[in-house]
């Protein structure tokens, strides 16, 4: 159950960030032809996951299925 909650919270944070950055990009540059806000949020999320999970794959934030 914890895994589902963590994935749901992560999805909510990502979606909210995309929505906010999309609105900000629209205000600053008009209607963009390329979804730059989605690109920024996805790259930021990847970097956050990379920094959360240790190089060996063991992390206190990652749940095991055993």
Protein backbone atom coordinates (compact mmCIF):
# COMPACT_ATOMS: atom_id res chain seq x y z
CA UNK A 1 0.00 0.00 0.00
CA UNK A 2 2.90 2.36 0.71
CA UNK A 3 4.18 1.91 -2.84
CA UNK A 4 0.85 2.98 -4.31
CA UNK A 5 0.73 6.03 -2.08
CA UNK A 6 4.30 7.06 -2.99
CA UNK A 7 3.60 6.69 -6.71
CA UNK A 8 0.37 8.65 -6.37
CA UNK A 9 2.04 11.50 -4.50
CA UNK A 10 4.84 11.60 -7.08
CA UNK A 11 2.32 11.72 -9.90
CA UNK A 12 0.41 14.52 -8.21
CA UNK A 13 3.55 16.60 -7.65
CA UNK A 14 4.66 16.10 -11.26
CA UNK A 15 1.26 16.97 -12.67
CA UNK A 16 0.92 20.08 -10.52
CA UNK A 17 4.42 21.24 -11.50
CA UNK A 18 3.66 20.74 -15.22
CA UNK A 19 0.43 22.70 -14.88
CA UNK A 20 2.12 25.57 -13.02
CA UNK A 21 5.11 25.77 -15.39
CA UNK A 22 2.83 25.51 -18.41
CA UNK A 23 0.86 28.52 -17.23
CA UNK A 24 4.04 30.42 -16.46
CA UNK A 25 5.51 29.66 -19.89
CA UNK A 26 2.26 30.78 -21.54
CA UNK A 27 2.37 34.09 -19.65
CA UNK A 28 6.02 34.72 -20.50
CA UNK A 29 6.23 33.55 -24.11
CA UNK A 30 2.69 33.10 -25.37
CA UNK A 31 1.54 29.76 -26.70
CA UNK A 32 4.70 27.65 -27.03
CA UNK A 33 4.95 25.20 -29.91
CA UNK A 34 7.11 22.88 -27.83
CA UNK A 35 5.95 21.69 -24.35
CA UNK A 36 9.01 23.07 -22.54
CA UNK A 37 7.32 22.88 -19.14
CA UNK A 38 6.86 19.12 -19.48
CA UNK A 39 10.49 18.73 -20.51
CA UNK A 40 11.75 20.75 -17.53
CA UNK A 41 9.58 18.86 -15.01
CA UNK A 42 10.52 15.45 -16.43
CA UNK A 43 14.26 16.21 -16.37
CA UNK A 44 13.98 17.62 -12.84
CA UNK A 45 12.11 14.50 -11.73
CA UNK A 46 14.75 12.23 -13.25
CA UNK A 47 17.51 14.14 -11.46
CA UNK A 48 15.61 13.95 -8.18
CA UNK A 49 15.15 10.19 -8.52
CA UNK A 50 18.81 9.77 -9.47
CA UNK A 51 19.91 11.70 -6.39
CA UNK A 52 17.49 9.82 -4.14
CA UNK A 53 18.55 6.34 -5.19
CA UNK A 54 22.14 5.52 -4.32
CA UNK A 55 24.48 4.17 -7.00
CA UNK A 56 24.21 0.66 -5.56
CA UNK A 57 20.44 0.76 -5.85
CA UNK A 58 19.90 0.56 -2.08
CA UNK A 59 18.01 3.50 -0.70
CA UNK A 60 15.88 4.01 2.40
CA UNK A 61 13.27 5.64 0.14
CA UNK A 62 12.84 2.70 -2.22
CA UNK A 63 10.62 -0.14 -1.07
CA UNK A 64 11.55 -3.76 -1.58
CA UNK A 65 8.99 -6.36 -2.62
CA UNK A 66 10.43 -9.14 -0.46
